[in-house]
Amino acid sequence: MGTDQSLTIILLTGAKRAGKTTWLQMYKSDSAGFLSPIIHEKRNFHLIPSQSIFPMEESNGQLLVGKYSFSASAFAAVEKHVQSHYQAEELIFDEIGPLEIRGEGFSSLVKHTLQNYSGKLLIVLRSEIVKEAIEAFQLDRFPITVIDFEELKNFEATELNY
């Protein structure tokens, strides 16, 4: 991917546990980035395309959101993986949430990616924080397509049209 290409952002939105990650695992596992599957009721990171899976949650984690405690070292491993794939045609961030909106978690990774990546950046967000995310990361500087996962599911789509 050359630096002469511009960044395009796709926001895949939907409700919690609507099937966004499962859909991405089925149809986008050849892309680069990370997915966040829940396995045995625990949140995990699934690095793509390497297919490495490891726990996101940690009982005494340094990153806290509500009742969840996350591993800072797991987030650091994902960050390193994503940055090593900036040449990919498409990067997936599944998902960006309240932790990032308040400047933690993958906040610095999102900002770094916006400055250093040229290609398609697919960001998974819950519907209720789309406006906050656009403001927090000034995403409106780039071409954005918002795709509602319910519509995608209703059409039984296997591709994102953007």
C-alpha atoms as a PDB file:
ATOM      1  CA  MET A   1       0.000   0.000   0.000  1.00  0.00           C
ATOM      2  CA  GLY A   2       1.623   3.238  -1.098  1.00  0.00           C
ATOM      3  CA  THR A   3       1.516   6.490   0.805  1.00  0.00           C
ATOM      4  CA  ASP A   4      -0.134   8.177  -2.173  1.00  0.00           C
ATOM      5  CA  GLN A   5      -3.453   6.538  -1.303  1.00  0.00           C
ATOM      6  CA  SER A   6      -5.791   8.197   1.120  1.00  0.00           C
ATOM      7  CA  LEU A   7      -7.478   6.803   4.184  1.00  0.00           C
ATOM      8  CA  THR A   8     -11.114   5.714   3.979  1.00  0.00           C
ATOM      9  CA  ILE A   9     -13.017   4.942   7.163  1.00  0.00           C
ATOM     10  CA  ILE A  10     -15.855   2.468   7.475  1.00  0.00           C
ATOM     11  CA  LEU A  11     -17.801   2.442  10.733  1.00  0.00           C
ATOM     12  CA  LEU A  12     -19.634  -0.842  11.290  1.00  0.00           C
ATOM     13  CA  THR A  13     -22.231  -0.112  13.949  1.00  0.00           C
ATOM     14  CA  GLY A  14     -24.651  -2.244  15.877  1.00  0.00           C
ATOM     15  CA  ALA A  15     -25.898  -3.364  19.245  1.00  0.00           C
ATOM     16  CA  LYS A  16     -23.857  -5.325  21.774  1.00  0.00           C
ATOM     17  CA  ARG A  17     -23.755  -9.046  20.900  1.00  0.00           C
ATOM     18  CA  ALA A  18     -25.514  -8.487  17.570  1.00  0.00           C
ATOM     19  CA  GLY A  19     -23.034 -10.737  15.730  1.00  0.00           C
ATOM     20  CA  LYS A  20     -20.614  -8.144  14.342  1.00  0.00           C
ATOM     21  CA  THR A  21     -17.483 -10.034  15.408  1.00  0.00           C
ATOM     22  CA  THR A  22     -18.847 -13.372  14.220  1.00  0.00           C
ATOM     23  CA  TRP A  23     -19.620 -11.844  10.814  1.00  0.00           C
ATOM     24  CA  LEU A  24     -16.103 -10.397  10.622  1.00  0.00           C
ATOM     25  CA  GLN A  25     -14.587 -13.780  11.542  1.00  0.00           C
ATOM     26  CA  MET A  26     -16.576 -15.409   8.731  1.00  0.00           C
ATOM     27  CA  TYR A  27     -15.982 -12.850   5.987  1.00  0.00           C
ATOM     28  CA  LYS A  28     -12.978 -10.694   6.890  1.00  0.00           C
ATOM     29  CA  SER A  29     -10.399 -13.010   8.511  1.00  0.00           C
ATOM     30  CA  ASP A  30      -8.046 -12.447   5.552  1.00  0.00           C
ATOM     31  CA  SER A  31      -7.833  -8.731   6.394  1.00  0.00           C
ATOM     32  CA  ALA A  32      -5.377  -7.387   8.991  1.00  0.00           C
ATOM     33  CA  GLY A  33      -6.095  -6.024  12.470  1.00  0.00           C
ATOM     34  CA  PHE A  34      -7.931  -7.444  15.441  1.00  0.00           C
ATOM     35  CA  LEU A  35     -11.291  -8.937  16.331  1.00  0.00           C
ATOM     36  CA  SER A  36     -12.767  -9.178  19.832  1.00  0.00           C
ATOM     37  CA  PRO A  37     -14.628 -12.470  20.198  1.00  0.00           C
ATOM     38  CA  ILE A  38     -16.243 -13.614  23.418  1.00  0.00           C
ATOM     39  CA  ILE A  39     -15.152 -17.181  24.148  1.00  0.00           C
ATOM     40  CA  HIS A  40     -16.565 -18.963  27.216  1.00  0.00           C
ATOM     41  CA  GLU A  41     -18.055 -15.627  28.341  1.00  0.00           C
ATOM     42  CA  LYS A  42     -14.613 -13.971  28.347  1.00  0.00           C
ATOM     43  CA  ARG A  43     -13.454 -11.246  25.973  1.00  0.00           C
ATOM     44  CA  ASN A  44     -10.463 -12.106  23.791  1.00  0.00           C
ATOM     45  CA  PHE A  45      -8.311 -10.596  21.080  1.00  0.00           C
ATOM     46  CA  HIS A  46      -8.124 -12.446  17.769  1.00  0.00           C
ATOM     47  CA  LEU A  47      -5.297 -11.121  15.607  1.00  0.00           C
ATOM     48  CA  ILE A  48      -5.863 -11.335  11.895  1.00  0.00           C
ATOM     49  CA  PRO A  49      -4.548 -12.613   9.570  1.00  0.00           C
ATOM     50  CA  SER A  50      -2.232 -14.516  11.986  1.00  0.00           C
ATOM     51  CA  GLN A  51      -5.218 -16.143  13.802  1.00  0.00           C
ATOM     52  CA  SER A  52      -3.539 -15.751  17.212  1.00  0.00           C
ATOM     53  CA  ILE A  53      -6.104 -15.573  20.061  1.00  0.00           C
ATOM     54  CA  PHE A  54      -5.402 -14.466  23.636  1.00  0.00           C
ATOM     55  CA  PRO A  55      -7.359 -13.052  26.604  1.00  0.00           C
ATOM     56  CA  MET A  56      -8.298  -9.375  26.708  1.00  0.00           C
ATOM     57  CA  GLU A  57      -9.601  -9.550  30.264  1.00  0.00           C
ATOM     58  CA  GLU A  58      -7.416  -9.920  33.340  1.00  0.00           C
ATOM     59  CA  SER A  59      -8.610 -10.233  36.932  1.00  0.00           C
ATOM     60  CA  ASN A  60      -6.408  -7.382  38.150  1.00  0.00           C
ATOM     61  CA  GLY A  61      -5.987  -5.560  34.865  1.00  0.00           C
ATOM     62  CA  GLN A  62      -4.777  -1.987  34.623  1.00  0.00           C
ATOM     63  CA  LEU A  63      -7.568  -0.812  32.298  1.00  0.00           C
ATOM     64  CA  LEU A  64     -11.032  -0.641  33.841  1.00  0.00           C
ATOM     65  CA  VAL A  65     -14.437  -0.112  32.226  1.00  0.00           C
ATOM     66  CA  GLY A  66     -17.460  -0.815  34.379  1.00  0.00           C
ATOM     67  CA  LYS A  67     -17.199  -4.383  35.656  1.00  0.00           C
ATOM     68  CA  TYR A  68     -14.446  -5.265  33.167  1.00  0.00           C
ATOM     69  CA  SER A  69     -10.723  -5.334  33.878  1.00  0.00           C
ATOM     70  CA  PHE A  70      -8.400  -5.487  30.873  1.00  0.00           C
ATOM     71  CA  SER A  71      -4.767  -6.472  30.418  1.00  0.00           C
ATOM     72  CA  ALA A  72      -2.503  -3.587  29.387  1.00  0.00           C
ATOM     73  CA  SER A  73       0.034  -6.081  28.002  1.00  0.00           C
ATOM     74  CA  ALA A  74      -2.645  -7.653  25.767  1.00  0.00           C
ATOM     75  CA  PHE A  75      -3.525  -4.201  24.417  1.00  0.00           C
ATOM     76  CA  ALA A  76       0.196  -3.534  23.794  1.00  0.00           C
ATOM     77  CA  ALA A  77       0.516  -6.801  21.823  1.00  0.00           C
ATOM     78  CA  VAL A  78      -2.469  -5.850  19.650  1.00  0.00           C
ATOM     79  CA  GLU A  79      -1.024  -2.386  19.061  1.00  0.00           C
ATOM     80  CA  LYS A  80       2.297  -3.860  17.917  1.00  0.00           C
ATOM     81  CA  HIS A  81       0.481  -6.310  15.616  1.00  0.00           C
ATOM     82  CA  VAL A  82      -1.656  -3.594  14.009  1.00  0.00           C
ATOM     83  CA  GLN A  83       1.278  -1.248  13.429  1.00  0.00           C
ATOM     84  CA  SER A  84       3.197  -4.074  11.734  1.00  0.00           C
ATOM     85  CA  HIS A  85       0.322  -4.374   9.215  1.00  0.00           C
ATOM     86  CA  TYR A  86       0.082  -0.753   8.028  1.00  0.00           C
ATOM     87  CA  GLN A  87       0.890  -1.995   4.509  1.00  0.00           C
ATOM     88  CA  ALA A  88      -2.377  -4.006   4.420  1.00  0.00           C
ATOM     89  CA  GLU A  89      -5.163  -2.912   2.108  1.00  0.00           C
ATOM     90  CA  GLU A  90      -7.686  -3.113   4.956  1.00  0.00           C
ATOM     91  CA  LEU A  91      -7.304  -2.837   8.731  1.00  0.00           C
ATOM     92  CA  ILE A  92     -10.031  -3.868  11.169  1.00  0.00           C
ATOM     93  CA  PHE A  93     -10.428  -2.514  14.708  1.00  0.00           C
ATOM     94  CA  ASP A  94     -13.077  -4.580  16.506  1.00  0.00           C
ATOM     95  CA  GLU A  95     -14.027  -2.632  18.527  1.00  0.00           C
ATOM     96  CA  ILE A  96     -13.499   0.916  19.724  1.00  0.00           C
ATOM     97  CA  GLY A  97     -15.558   1.800  22.771  1.00  0.00           C
ATOM     98  CA  PRO A  98     -15.851   3.910  25.910  1.00  0.00           C
ATOM     99  CA  LEU A  99     -12.258   3.152  26.954  1.00  0.00           C
ATOM    100  CA  GLU A 100     -10.942   4.742  23.754  1.00  0.00           C
ATOM    101  CA  ILE A 101     -13.402   7.652  23.860  1.00  0.00           C
ATOM    102  CA  ARG A 102     -11.946   8.650  27.234  1.00  0.00           C
ATOM    103  CA  GLY A 103      -8.394   8.461  25.877  1.00  0.00           C
ATOM    104  CA  GLU A 104      -7.358   4.994  27.062  1.00  0.00           C
ATOM    105  CA  GLY A 105      -7.124   1.517  25.534  1.00  0.00           C
ATOM    106  CA  PHE A 106      -6.526   1.860  21.800  1.00  0.00           C
ATOM    107  CA  SER A 107      -6.933   5.643  21.756  1.00  0.00           C
ATOM    108  CA  SER A 108      -3.284   6.246  20.870  1.00  0.00           C
ATOM    109  CA  LEU A 109      -3.377   3.424  18.302  1.00  0.00           C
ATOM    110  CA  VAL A 110      -6.399   4.982  16.584  1.00  0.00           C
ATOM    111  CA  LYS A 111      -4.654   8.366  16.440  1.00  0.00           C
ATOM    112  CA  HIS A 112      -1.381   6.838  15.194  1.00  0.00           C
ATOM    113  CA  THR A 113      -3.231   4.832  12.546  1.00  0.00           C
ATOM    114  CA  LEU A 114      -5.123   7.891  11.315  1.00  0.00           C
ATOM    115  CA  GLN A 115      -1.780   9.658  10.807  1.00  0.00           C
ATOM    116  CA  ASN A 116       0.229   6.776   9.367  1.00  0.00           C
ATOM    117  CA  TYR A 117      -2.066   4.403   7.481  1.00  0.00           C
ATOM    118  CA  SER A 118      -3.359   4.645   3.925  1.00  0.00           C
ATOM    119  CA  GLY A 119      -6.120   2.233   3.008  1.00  0.00           C
ATOM    120  CA  LYS A 120      -9.471   1.101   4.343  1.00  0.00           C
ATOM    121  CA  LEU A 121      -9.897   1.310   8.111  1.00  0.00           C
ATOM    122  CA  LEU A 122     -12.932  -0.596   9.345  1.00  0.00           C
ATOM    123  CA  ILE A 123     -13.844   0.356  12.916  1.00  0.00           C
ATOM    124  CA  VAL A 124     -16.536  -1.517  14.830  1.00  0.00           C
ATOM    125  CA  LEU A 125     -18.550   0.681  17.197  1.00  0.00           C
ATOM    126  CA  ARG A 126     -21.736   0.374  19.155  1.00  0.00           C
ATOM    127  CA  SER A 127     -24.430   2.525  17.580  1.00  0.00           C
ATOM    128  CA  GLU A 128     -24.788   4.783  20.619  1.00  0.00           C
ATOM    129  CA  ILE A 129     -21.181   6.053  20.529  1.00  0.00           C
ATOM    130  CA  VAL A 130     -20.741   6.814  16.823  1.00  0.00           C
ATOM    131  CA  LYS A 131     -21.036  10.594  17.257  1.00  0.00           C
ATOM    132  CA  GLU A 132     -18.703  10.549  20.267  1.00  0.00           C
ATOM    133  CA  ALA A 133     -16.087   8.559  18.347  1.00  0.00           C
ATOM    134  CA  ILE A 134     -16.276  10.845  15.320  1.00  0.00           C
ATOM    135  CA  GLU A 135     -15.724  13.847  17.603  1.00  0.00           C
ATOM    136  CA  ALA A 136     -13.064  12.257  19.829  1.00  0.00           C
ATOM    137  CA  PHE A 137     -10.883  11.198  16.890  1.00  0.00           C
ATOM    138  CA  GLN A 138     -11.943  13.893  14.392  1.00  0.00           C
ATOM    139  CA  LEU A 139     -12.916  11.150  11.964  1.00  0.00           C
ATOM    140  CA  ASP A 140     -14.881  13.602   9.835  1.00  0.00           C
ATOM    141  CA  ARG A 141     -11.516  14.713   8.346  1.00  0.00           C
ATOM    142  CA  PHE A 142     -11.706  11.553   6.230  1.00  0.00           C
ATOM    143  CA  PRO A 143     -14.288   9.986   3.935  1.00  0.00           C
ATOM    144  CA  ILE A 144     -16.585   7.946   6.207  1.00  0.00           C
ATOM    145  CA  THR A 145     -19.148   5.291   5.403  1.00  0.00           C
ATOM    146  CA  VAL A 146     -21.415   4.173   8.257  1.00  0.00           C
ATOM    147  CA  ILE A 147     -22.838   0.676   7.885  1.00  0.00           C
ATOM    148  CA  ASP A 148     -25.589  -0.528  10.219  1.00  0.00           C
ATOM    149  CA  PHE A 149     -24.941  -4.179  11.018  1.00  0.00           C
ATOM    150  CA  GLU A 150     -28.671  -4.967  11.233  1.00  0.00           C
ATOM    151  CA  GLU A 151     -29.104  -3.886   7.611  1.00  0.00           C
ATOM    152  CA  LEU A 152     -26.068  -5.929   6.588  1.00  0.00           C
ATOM    153  CA  LYS A 153     -27.482  -8.970   8.392  1.00  0.00           C
ATOM    154  CA  ASN A 154     -30.974  -8.477   6.923  1.00  0.00           C
ATOM    155  CA  PHE A 155     -29.542  -8.583   3.410  1.00  0.00           C
ATOM    156  CA  GLU A 156     -27.424 -11.628   4.313  1.00  0.00           C
ATOM    157  CA  ALA A 157     -24.434  -9.740   2.932  1.00  0.00           C
ATOM    158  CA  THR A 158     -21.035 -11.391   2.752  1.00  0.00           C
ATOM    159  CA  GLU A 159     -19.273  -8.219   1.581  1.00  0.00           C
ATOM    160  CA  LEU A 160     -19.184  -4.617   2.742  1.00  0.00           C
ATOM    161  CA  ASN A 161     -19.948  -2.225  -0.094  1.00  0.00           C
ATOM    162  CA  TYR A 162     -17.955   0.957   0.355  1.00  0.00           C
END
